[in-house]
Amino acid sequence: MLMNTVLLVDDDDNWCFLSKKILKKAGIGEEILTAHNGREALKKLQDLTANGEKLPDLIFLDIKMPVMDGFEFLEALTKTPELNLDQTRIYMCTSSFHPKDRERAELYPIAGFLTKPLTPEVLKEL
């Protein structure tokens, strides 16, 4: 799967900055978009759809964020039929090791659950 567009959804600017560097070095994502919370990400996806643009190939989604967290974002996605994410792989990214987070994440159509930080090794596995 060619991954031209990536969306990083995380309120931590440092994590987004480092992740962008790692993604670029790995040759993933000609375009890397960012959103600081789930609501901002949902708006970006809706704007892309409204403008007839392609949705991201890959989304890295943090769990704990202000305004709208990762789970609230996934719940909103399931209630937004105009967003067709069939060609998008969503990975939950978190520093949480809590098993309940992993169990809850598996209730949604995600491709996987990753522990921060992103590394070249983790990206190769994707």
C-alpha atoms as a PDB file:
ATOM      1  CA  MET A   1       0.000   0.000   0.000  1.00  0.00           C
ATOM      2  CA  LEU A   2       1.421   3.350  -1.073  1.00  0.00           C
ATOM      3  CA  MET A   3       1.062   5.869   1.756  1.00  0.00           C
ATOM      4  CA  ASN A   4       1.178   9.349   0.253  1.00  0.00           C
ATOM      5  CA  THR A   5      -0.799  11.203   2.903  1.00  0.00           C
ATOM      6  CA  VAL A   6      -0.499  10.753   6.650  1.00  0.00           C
ATOM      7  CA  LEU A   7      -2.509  12.446   9.399  1.00  0.00           C
ATOM      8  CA  LEU A   8      -0.936  12.735  12.862  1.00  0.00           C
ATOM      9  CA  VAL A   9      -3.557  13.402  15.544  1.00  0.00           C
ATOM     10  CA  ASP A  10      -1.847  14.338  18.792  1.00  0.00           C
ATOM     11  CA  ASP A  11      -1.786  17.332  21.138  1.00  0.00           C
ATOM     12  CA  ASP A  12       1.970  16.936  21.740  1.00  0.00           C
ATOM     13  CA  ASP A  13       3.796  19.178  19.255  1.00  0.00           C
ATOM     14  CA  ASN A  14       7.142  17.518  20.042  1.00  0.00           C
ATOM     15  CA  TRP A  15       5.733  14.057  19.238  1.00  0.00           C
ATOM     16  CA  CYS A  16       4.281  15.380  15.957  1.00  0.00           C
ATOM     17  CA  PHE A  17       7.597  17.019  15.030  1.00  0.00           C
ATOM     18  CA  LEU A  18       9.642  13.879  15.744  1.00  0.00           C
ATOM     19  CA  SER A  19       7.089  11.622  14.052  1.00  0.00           C
ATOM     20  CA  LYS A  20       7.194  13.778  10.912  1.00  0.00           C
ATOM     21  CA  LYS A  21      10.985  13.426  10.806  1.00  0.00           C
ATOM     22  CA  ILE A  22      10.819   9.640  11.275  1.00  0.00           C
ATOM     23  CA  LEU A  23       8.076   9.273   8.633  1.00  0.00           C
ATOM     24  CA  LYS A  24       9.973  11.380   6.100  1.00  0.00           C
ATOM     25  CA  LYS A  25      13.203   9.478   6.732  1.00  0.00           C
ATOM     26  CA  ALA A  26      11.280   6.208   6.234  1.00  0.00           C
ATOM     27  CA  GLY A  27       9.858   7.570   2.961  1.00  0.00           C
ATOM     28  CA  ILE A  28       6.279   7.487   4.243  1.00  0.00           C
ATOM     29  CA  GLY A  29       3.958  10.385   3.527  1.00  0.00           C
ATOM     30  CA  GLU A  30       4.603  12.905   0.792  1.00  0.00           C
ATOM     31  CA  GLU A  31       2.117  15.035   2.693  1.00  0.00           C
ATOM     32  CA  ILE A  32       1.903  14.900   6.482  1.00  0.00           C
ATOM     33  CA  LEU A  33      -1.048  16.661   8.076  1.00  0.00           C
ATOM     34  CA  THR A  34      -1.449  17.297  11.793  1.00  0.00           C
ATOM     35  CA  ALA A  35      -4.357  17.888  14.146  1.00  0.00           C
ATOM     36  CA  HIS A  36      -4.131  18.661  17.859  1.00  0.00           C
ATOM     37  CA  ASN A  37      -7.272  16.756  18.845  1.00  0.00           C
ATOM     38  CA  GLY A  38     -10.004  14.542  17.483  1.00  0.00           C
ATOM     39  CA  ARG A  39     -12.369  17.398  16.675  1.00  0.00           C
ATOM     40  CA  GLU A  40      -9.713  19.172  14.605  1.00  0.00           C
ATOM     41  CA  ALA A  41      -8.922  15.880  12.816  1.00  0.00           C
ATOM     42  CA  LEU A  42     -12.589  15.222  12.081  1.00  0.00           C
ATOM     43  CA  LYS A  43     -12.921  18.732  10.617  1.00  0.00           C
ATOM     44  CA  LYS A  44      -9.833  18.189   8.420  1.00  0.00           C
ATOM     45  CA  LEU A  45     -11.286  14.920   7.106  1.00  0.00           C
ATOM     46  CA  GLN A  46     -14.661  16.546   6.450  1.00  0.00           C
ATOM     47  CA  ASP A  47     -12.965  19.467   4.642  1.00  0.00           C
ATOM     48  CA  LEU A  48     -10.948  17.068   2.474  1.00  0.00           C
ATOM     49  CA  THR A  49     -14.137  15.178   1.565  1.00  0.00           C
ATOM     50  CA  ALA A  50     -16.066  18.399   0.875  1.00  0.00           C
ATOM     51  CA  ASN A  51     -13.270  19.566  -1.458  1.00  0.00           C
ATOM     52  CA  GLY A  52     -13.201  16.226  -3.276  1.00  0.00           C
ATOM     53  CA  GLU A  53      -9.701  15.485  -2.029  1.00  0.00           C
ATOM     54  CA  LYS A  54      -8.383  12.054  -1.124  1.00  0.00           C
ATOM     55  CA  LEU A  55      -8.469  11.103   2.547  1.00  0.00           C
ATOM     56  CA  PRO A  56      -5.197  10.147   4.278  1.00  0.00           C
ATOM     57  CA  ASP A  57      -3.784   6.687   3.655  1.00  0.00           C
ATOM     58  CA  LEU A  58      -2.613   6.455   7.240  1.00  0.00           C
ATOM     59  CA  ILE A  59      -3.750   8.037  10.518  1.00  0.00           C
ATOM     60  CA  PHE A  60      -1.749   7.882  13.739  1.00  0.00           C
ATOM     61  CA  LEU A  61      -4.206   8.683  16.534  1.00  0.00           C
ATOM     62  CA  ASP A  62      -3.327   9.516  20.134  1.00  0.00           C
ATOM     63  CA  ILE A  63      -5.738   8.364  22.827  1.00  0.00           C
ATOM     64  CA  LYS A  64      -5.448  11.082  25.449  1.00  0.00           C
ATOM     65  CA  MET A  65      -6.084  14.580  24.051  1.00  0.00           C
ATOM     66  CA  PRO A  66      -8.107  17.591  25.155  1.00  0.00           C
ATOM     67  CA  VAL A  67     -11.362  18.620  23.417  1.00  0.00           C
ATOM     68  CA  MET A  68     -11.947  15.214  21.754  1.00  0.00           C
ATOM     69  CA  ASP A  69      -9.821  12.196  22.610  1.00  0.00           C
ATOM     70  CA  GLY A  70      -8.945   9.309  20.301  1.00  0.00           C
ATOM     71  CA  PHE A  71     -11.879   7.133  21.352  1.00  0.00           C
ATOM     72  CA  GLU A  72     -14.344  10.002  20.939  1.00  0.00           C
ATOM     73  CA  PHE A  73     -12.850  10.607  17.478  1.00  0.00           C
ATOM     74  CA  LEU A  74     -13.345   6.949  16.500  1.00  0.00           C
ATOM     75  CA  GLU A  75     -16.911   7.044  17.821  1.00  0.00           C
ATOM     76  CA  ALA A  76     -17.624  10.202  15.790  1.00  0.00           C
ATOM     77  CA  LEU A  77     -16.173   8.523  12.689  1.00  0.00           C
ATOM     78  CA  THR A  78     -18.625   5.645  13.026  1.00  0.00           C
ATOM     79  CA  LYS A  79     -21.452   8.221  12.991  1.00  0.00           C
ATOM     80  CA  THR A  80     -20.142  10.183   9.990  1.00  0.00           C
ATOM     81  CA  PRO A  81     -21.065   8.092   6.933  1.00  0.00           C
ATOM     82  CA  GLU A  82     -19.834  10.696   4.434  1.00  0.00           C
ATOM     83  CA  LEU A  83     -16.273   9.932   5.536  1.00  0.00           C
ATOM     84  CA  ASN A  84     -15.271   6.791   3.657  1.00  0.00           C
ATOM     85  CA  LEU A  85     -12.129   5.568   5.362  1.00  0.00           C
ATOM     86  CA  ASP A  86     -12.055   2.172   3.625  1.00  0.00           C
ATOM     87  CA  GLN A  87      -8.652   3.023   2.138  1.00  0.00           C
ATOM     88  CA  THR A  88      -7.274   4.488   5.386  1.00  0.00           C
ATOM     89  CA  ARG A  89      -5.374   2.561   8.030  1.00  0.00           C
ATOM     90  CA  ILE A  90      -5.778   3.955  11.542  1.00  0.00           C
ATOM     91  CA  TYR A  91      -3.239   3.171  14.244  1.00  0.00           C
ATOM     92  CA  MET A  92      -3.849   4.148  17.848  1.00  0.00           C
ATOM     93  CA  CYS A  93      -0.615   5.555  19.291  1.00  0.00           C
ATOM     94  CA  THR A  94      -0.238   5.950  23.006  1.00  0.00           C
ATOM     95  CA  SER A  95       2.166   5.943  25.884  1.00  0.00           C
ATOM     96  CA  SER A  96      -0.474   4.075  27.918  1.00  0.00           C
ATOM     97  CA  PHE A  97       0.225   0.468  28.740  1.00  0.00           C
ATOM     98  CA  HIS A  98      -3.247  -0.040  30.188  1.00  0.00           C
ATOM     99  CA  PRO A  99      -4.806  -3.245  28.783  1.00  0.00           C
ATOM    100  CA  LYS A 100      -8.288  -1.662  28.886  1.00  0.00           C
ATOM    101  CA  ASP A 101      -7.144   0.948  26.326  1.00  0.00           C
ATOM    102  CA  ARG A 102      -6.068  -1.820  23.955  1.00  0.00           C
ATOM    103  CA  GLU A 103      -9.326  -3.752  24.506  1.00  0.00           C
ATOM    104  CA  ARG A 104     -11.402  -0.627  23.898  1.00  0.00           C
ATOM    105  CA  ALA A 105      -9.409   0.263  20.768  1.00  0.00           C
ATOM    106  CA  GLU A 106     -10.139  -3.152  19.288  1.00  0.00           C
ATOM    107  CA  LEU A 107     -13.863  -2.321  19.291  1.00  0.00           C
ATOM    108  CA  TYR A 108     -13.207   0.078  16.405  1.00  0.00           C
ATOM    109  CA  PRO A 109     -12.037  -0.507  12.823  1.00  0.00           C
ATOM    110  CA  ILE A 110      -8.375   0.219  13.492  1.00  0.00           C
ATOM    111  CA  ALA A 111      -5.366  -1.423  11.885  1.00  0.00           C
ATOM    112  CA  GLY A 112      -3.375  -1.633  15.092  1.00  0.00           C
ATOM    113  CA  PHE A 113      -2.332  -0.298  18.464  1.00  0.00           C
ATOM    114  CA  LEU A 114       1.178   1.184  18.795  1.00  0.00           C
ATOM    115  CA  THR A 115       3.123   2.290  21.828  1.00  0.00           C
ATOM    116  CA  LYS A 116       4.888   5.630  21.483  1.00  0.00           C
ATOM    117  CA  PRO A 117       7.327   6.666  20.191  1.00  0.00           C
ATOM    118  CA  LEU A 118       7.163   5.807  16.519  1.00  0.00           C
ATOM    119  CA  THR A 119      10.411   4.214  15.420  1.00  0.00           C
ATOM    120  CA  PRO A 120      11.773   3.152  12.046  1.00  0.00           C
ATOM    121  CA  GLU A 121      11.433  -0.465  13.193  1.00  0.00           C
ATOM    122  CA  VAL A 122       7.732  -0.045  13.998  1.00  0.00           C
ATOM    123  CA  LEU A 123       7.134   1.662  10.645  1.00  0.00           C
ATOM    124  CA  LYS A 124       8.817  -1.192   8.763  1.00  0.00           C
ATOM    125  CA  GLU A 125       6.348  -3.606  10.382  1.00  0.00           C
ATOM    126  CA  LEU A 126       3.408  -1.561   9.106  1.00  0.00           C
END
